[in-house]
Amino acid sequence: MKRQTGIWIDSSKAIIVALDGDTEKITEIDSDVENSVYHNKEGNKGTFSGSHHGDSDKKFDDRKKQELDYFIKSVLSYVKKSDELIVFGPAQTKTRLEQKLMDENLIEPGKLKSVETADKMTLNEIVAKVRRFYNPFEYKEPEPKS
């Protein structure tokens, strides 16, 4: 039985849906990646001279890159046993994840089936997308509740 995995990812979190036959396992990983340049302890950035401001931005960018790399590594630890993988999400994090997979040979060629752009999605939408991707003829939409 193939273990099929789908990852919805952006810089704030990743939702991993692992299908193993009829069972599914859903894992959510929150990210510690900072998404704002302003920090409370730094005060008003407008009061800094140009060199201090540039140094602060570079430190922030470096820290953000390290945090994103750590986040991606933690996501990848959940998909090592996958036979097939799809990655989707709204931001560039999905392409960073794809690049990491390829650059470090973390997945065998042909296992990464697709990398797609997708908007913000609910958990049910994410699970349905993964199920439809792997089983397009078997998946039935849930019937609306009366």
C-alpha atoms as a PDB file:
ATOM      1  CA  MET A   1       0.000   0.000   0.000  1.00  0.00           C
ATOM      2  CA  LYS A   2       1.388   3.374  -1.021  1.00  0.00           C
ATOM      3  CA  ARG A   3       1.697   6.131   1.534  1.00  0.00           C
ATOM      4  CA  GLN A   4       0.488   9.275  -0.212  1.00  0.00           C
ATOM      5  CA  THR A   5       1.101  12.663   1.355  1.00  0.00           C
ATOM      6  CA  GLY A   6      -0.080  16.185   0.672  1.00  0.00           C
ATOM      7  CA  ILE A   7       1.365  19.309   2.272  1.00  0.00           C
ATOM      8  CA  TRP A   8      -0.374  22.681   2.363  1.00  0.00           C
ATOM      9  CA  ILE A   9       2.263  25.183   3.458  1.00  0.00           C
ATOM     10  CA  ASP A  10       2.849  28.880   3.950  1.00  0.00           C
ATOM     11  CA  SER A  11       5.279  30.722   6.212  1.00  0.00           C
ATOM     12  CA  SER A  12       2.962  30.518   9.251  1.00  0.00           C
ATOM     13  CA  LYS A  13       2.063  26.805   9.251  1.00  0.00           C
ATOM     14  CA  ALA A  14       2.006  23.516   7.392  1.00  0.00           C
ATOM     15  CA  ILE A  15      -0.797  20.985   7.276  1.00  0.00           C
ATOM     16  CA  ILE A  16       0.311  17.483   6.348  1.00  0.00           C
ATOM     17  CA  VAL A  17      -2.252  14.940   5.182  1.00  0.00           C
ATOM     18  CA  ALA A  18      -0.916  11.379   4.995  1.00  0.00           C
ATOM     19  CA  LEU A  19      -3.133   8.797   3.288  1.00  0.00           C
ATOM     20  CA  ASP A  20      -2.433   5.159   3.934  1.00  0.00           C
ATOM     21  CA  GLY A  21      -5.186   3.123   2.324  1.00  0.00           C
ATOM     22  CA  ASP A  22      -8.468   4.157   3.898  1.00  0.00           C
ATOM     23  CA  THR A  23      -6.843   5.864   6.866  1.00  0.00           C
ATOM     24  CA  GLU A  24      -5.658   9.435   7.004  1.00  0.00           C
ATOM     25  CA  LYS A  25      -3.409  11.192   9.453  1.00  0.00           C
ATOM     26  CA  ILE A  26      -3.460  14.964   9.700  1.00  0.00           C
ATOM     27  CA  THR A  27      -0.595  16.865  11.294  1.00  0.00           C
ATOM     28  CA  GLU A  28      -0.396  20.621  11.743  1.00  0.00           C
ATOM     29  CA  ILE A  29       2.956  22.299  12.323  1.00  0.00           C
ATOM     30  CA  ASP A  30       3.062  25.932  13.399  1.00  0.00           C
ATOM     31  CA  SER A  31       5.987  28.016  12.269  1.00  0.00           C
ATOM     32  CA  ASP A  32       8.105  30.354  14.384  1.00  0.00           C
ATOM     33  CA  VAL A  33       9.050  32.415  11.325  1.00  0.00           C
ATOM     34  CA  GLU A  34       8.820  36.137  12.027  1.00  0.00           C
ATOM     35  CA  ASN A  35       6.847  38.008   9.400  1.00  0.00           C
ATOM     36  CA  SER A  36       7.368  41.577  10.535  1.00  0.00           C
ATOM     37  CA  VAL A  37      10.473  43.754  10.542  1.00  0.00           C
ATOM     38  CA  TYR A  38       9.311  45.855  13.503  1.00  0.00           C
ATOM     39  CA  HIS A  39      10.204  44.496  16.912  1.00  0.00           C
ATOM     40  CA  ASN A  40       8.921  46.027  20.157  1.00  0.00           C
ATOM     41  CA  LYS A  41      12.375  46.130  21.732  1.00  0.00           C
ATOM     42  CA  GLU A  42      13.871  48.061  18.813  1.00  0.00           C
ATOM     43  CA  GLY A  43      11.669  51.127  19.206  1.00  0.00           C
ATOM     44  CA  ASN A  44      10.867  53.432  16.310  1.00  0.00           C
ATOM     45  CA  LYS A  45      12.925  52.491  13.244  1.00  0.00           C
ATOM     46  CA  GLY A  46      12.627  56.062  11.960  1.00  0.00           C
ATOM     47  CA  THR A  47      15.025  57.280  14.657  1.00  0.00           C
ATOM     48  CA  PHE A  48      17.929  55.128  13.486  1.00  0.00           C
ATOM     49  CA  SER A  49      20.547  56.361  11.088  1.00  0.00           C
ATOM     50  CA  GLY A  50      20.801  54.550   7.740  1.00  0.00           C
ATOM     51  CA  SER A  51      23.571  52.128   8.719  1.00  0.00           C
ATOM     52  CA  HIS A  52      21.851  50.920  11.882  1.00  0.00           C
ATOM     53  CA  HIS A  53      18.578  50.480  10.060  1.00  0.00           C
ATOM     54  CA  GLY A  54      20.263  48.444   7.297  1.00  0.00           C
ATOM     55  CA  ASP A  55      22.073  46.264   9.841  1.00  0.00           C
ATOM     56  CA  SER A  56      18.826  45.569  11.659  1.00  0.00           C
ATOM     57  CA  ASP A  57      17.068  44.607   8.407  1.00  0.00           C
ATOM     58  CA  LYS A  58      19.922  42.282   7.419  1.00  0.00           C
ATOM     59  CA  LYS A  59      19.886  40.604  10.837  1.00  0.00           C
ATOM     60  CA  PHE A  60      16.113  40.182  10.572  1.00  0.00           C
ATOM     61  CA  ASP A  61      16.393  38.705   7.051  1.00  0.00           C
ATOM     62  CA  ASP A  62      19.125  36.291   8.182  1.00  0.00           C
ATOM     63  CA  ARG A  63      17.120  35.234  11.235  1.00  0.00           C
ATOM     64  CA  LYS A  64      13.974  34.789   9.117  1.00  0.00           C
ATOM     65  CA  LYS A  65      15.897  32.604   6.632  1.00  0.00           C
ATOM     66  CA  GLN A  66      17.233  30.417   9.466  1.00  0.00           C
ATOM     67  CA  GLU A  67      13.760  30.114  11.011  1.00  0.00           C
ATOM     68  CA  LEU A  68      12.252  29.188   7.628  1.00  0.00           C
ATOM     69  CA  ASP A  69      14.950  26.547   7.034  1.00  0.00           C
ATOM     70  CA  TYR A  70      14.269  25.063  10.473  1.00  0.00           C
ATOM     71  CA  PHE A  71      10.509  25.060   9.778  1.00  0.00           C
ATOM     72  CA  ILE A  72      10.990  23.327   6.420  1.00  0.00           C
ATOM     73  CA  LYS A  73      13.252  20.688   8.010  1.00  0.00           C
ATOM     74  CA  SER A  74      10.625  19.965  10.646  1.00  0.00           C
ATOM     75  CA  VAL A  75       7.977  19.555   7.915  1.00  0.00           C
ATOM     76  CA  LEU A  76      10.244  17.230   5.938  1.00  0.00           C
ATOM     77  CA  SER A  77      10.737  14.981   8.955  1.00  0.00           C
ATOM     78  CA  TYR A  78       7.064  13.997   8.612  1.00  0.00           C
ATOM     79  CA  VAL A  79       7.271  12.968   4.949  1.00  0.00           C
ATOM     80  CA  LYS A  80      10.378  10.787   4.823  1.00  0.00           C
ATOM     81  CA  LYS A  81       8.344   7.580   4.577  1.00  0.00           C
ATOM     82  CA  SER A  82       6.014   8.882   1.864  1.00  0.00           C
ATOM     83  CA  ASP A  83       5.845   7.107  -1.476  1.00  0.00           C
ATOM     84  CA  GLU A  84       4.186  10.051  -3.239  1.00  0.00           C
ATOM     85  CA  LEU A  85       4.088  13.729  -2.334  1.00  0.00           C
ATOM     86  CA  ILE A  86       2.226  16.837  -3.448  1.00  0.00           C
ATOM     87  CA  VAL A  87       2.922  20.323  -2.134  1.00  0.00           C
ATOM     88  CA  PHE A  88       0.582  23.280  -2.413  1.00  0.00           C
ATOM     89  CA  GLY A  89       0.044  26.651  -0.794  1.00  0.00           C
ATOM     90  CA  PRO A  90      -0.366  30.389  -1.328  1.00  0.00           C
ATOM     91  CA  ALA A  91       3.171  31.665  -0.820  1.00  0.00           C
ATOM     92  CA  GLN A  92       6.766  31.041  -1.840  1.00  0.00           C
ATOM     93  CA  THR A  93       7.353  28.638   1.038  1.00  0.00           C
ATOM     94  CA  LYS A  94       6.125  25.750  -1.130  1.00  0.00           C
ATOM     95  CA  THR A  95       8.878  26.430  -3.678  1.00  0.00           C
ATOM     96  CA  ARG A  96      11.481  26.689  -0.880  1.00  0.00           C
ATOM     97  CA  LEU A  97      10.304  23.276   0.305  1.00  0.00           C
ATOM     98  CA  GLU A  98      10.541  21.886  -3.235  1.00  0.00           C
ATOM     99  CA  GLN A  99      14.039  23.362  -3.644  1.00  0.00           C
ATOM    100  CA  LYS A 100      15.175  21.802  -0.360  1.00  0.00           C
ATOM    101  CA  LEU A 101      13.840  18.402  -1.465  1.00  0.00           C
ATOM    102  CA  MET A 102      15.713  18.598  -4.768  1.00  0.00           C
ATOM    103  CA  ASP A 103      18.959  20.219  -3.586  1.00  0.00           C
ATOM    104  CA  GLU A 104      19.536  17.758  -0.774  1.00  0.00           C
ATOM    105  CA  ASN A 105      18.098  14.680  -2.538  1.00  0.00           C
ATOM    106  CA  LEU A 106      15.640  14.205   0.326  1.00  0.00           C
ATOM    107  CA  ILE A 107      13.134  12.485  -1.921  1.00  0.00           C
ATOM    108  CA  GLU A 108      13.643   9.990  -4.715  1.00  0.00           C
ATOM    109  CA  PRO A 109      13.084  11.257  -8.263  1.00  0.00           C
ATOM    110  CA  GLY A 110       9.468  10.884  -9.303  1.00  0.00           C
ATOM    111  CA  LYS A 111       8.029  10.891  -5.771  1.00  0.00           C
ATOM    112  CA  LEU A 112       7.210  14.602  -5.884  1.00  0.00           C
ATOM    113  CA  LYS A 113       4.093  14.498  -8.038  1.00  0.00           C
ATOM    114  CA  SER A 114       3.106  18.172  -8.054  1.00  0.00           C
ATOM    115  CA  VAL A 115       3.777  21.637  -6.643  1.00  0.00           C
ATOM    116  CA  GLU A 116       0.738  23.879  -6.988  1.00  0.00           C
ATOM    117  CA  THR A 117      -0.404  27.343  -5.998  1.00  0.00           C
ATOM    118  CA  ALA A 118      -3.441  27.314  -3.719  1.00  0.00           C
ATOM    119  CA  ASP A 119      -5.140  29.969  -1.617  1.00  0.00           C
ATOM    120  CA  LYS A 120      -5.837  29.751   2.084  1.00  0.00           C
ATOM    121  CA  MET A 121      -7.919  26.638   2.651  1.00  0.00           C
ATOM    122  CA  THR A 122      -9.875  25.059   5.479  1.00  0.00           C
ATOM    123  CA  LEU A 123      -8.730  21.740   6.873  1.00  0.00           C
ATOM    124  CA  ASN A 124     -11.589  19.932   5.123  1.00  0.00           C
ATOM    125  CA  GLU A 125     -10.673  21.574   1.791  1.00  0.00           C
ATOM    126  CA  ILE A 126      -7.039  20.511   2.198  1.00  0.00           C
ATOM    127  CA  VAL A 127      -7.969  16.888   2.960  1.00  0.00           C
ATOM    128  CA  ALA A 128     -10.425  16.829   0.031  1.00  0.00           C
ATOM    129  CA  LYS A 129      -7.795  18.233  -2.354  1.00  0.00           C
ATOM    130  CA  VAL A 130      -5.270  15.556  -1.335  1.00  0.00           C
ATOM    131  CA  ARG A 131      -7.855  12.766  -1.643  1.00  0.00           C
ATOM    132  CA  ARG A 132      -9.014  14.016  -5.076  1.00  0.00           C
ATOM    133  CA  PHE A 133      -5.427  14.302  -6.296  1.00  0.00           C
ATOM    134  CA  TYR A 134      -4.551  10.705  -5.469  1.00  0.00           C
ATOM    135  CA  ASN A 135      -7.949   9.127  -6.105  1.00  0.00           C
ATOM    136  CA  PRO A 136      -9.741  11.257  -8.699  1.00  0.00           C
ATOM    137  CA  PHE A 137     -12.274   8.559  -9.607  1.00  0.00           C
ATOM    138  CA  GLU A 138     -12.899   7.183  -6.137  1.00  0.00           C
ATOM    139  CA  TYR A 139     -13.360  10.402  -4.196  1.00  0.00           C
ATOM    140  CA  LYS A 140     -16.935  11.445  -3.557  1.00  0.00           C
ATOM    141  CA  GLU A 141     -17.849  14.893  -2.292  1.00  0.00           C
ATOM    142  CA  PRO A 142     -19.412  14.723   1.167  1.00  0.00           C
ATOM    143  CA  GLU A 143     -23.175  15.034   1.023  1.00  0.00           C
ATOM    144  CA  PRO A 144     -24.553  18.275   2.499  1.00  0.00           C
ATOM    145  CA  LYS A 145     -26.163  17.945   5.901  1.00  0.00           C
ATOM    146  CA  SER A 146     -29.873  18.672   6.027  1.00  0.00           C
END
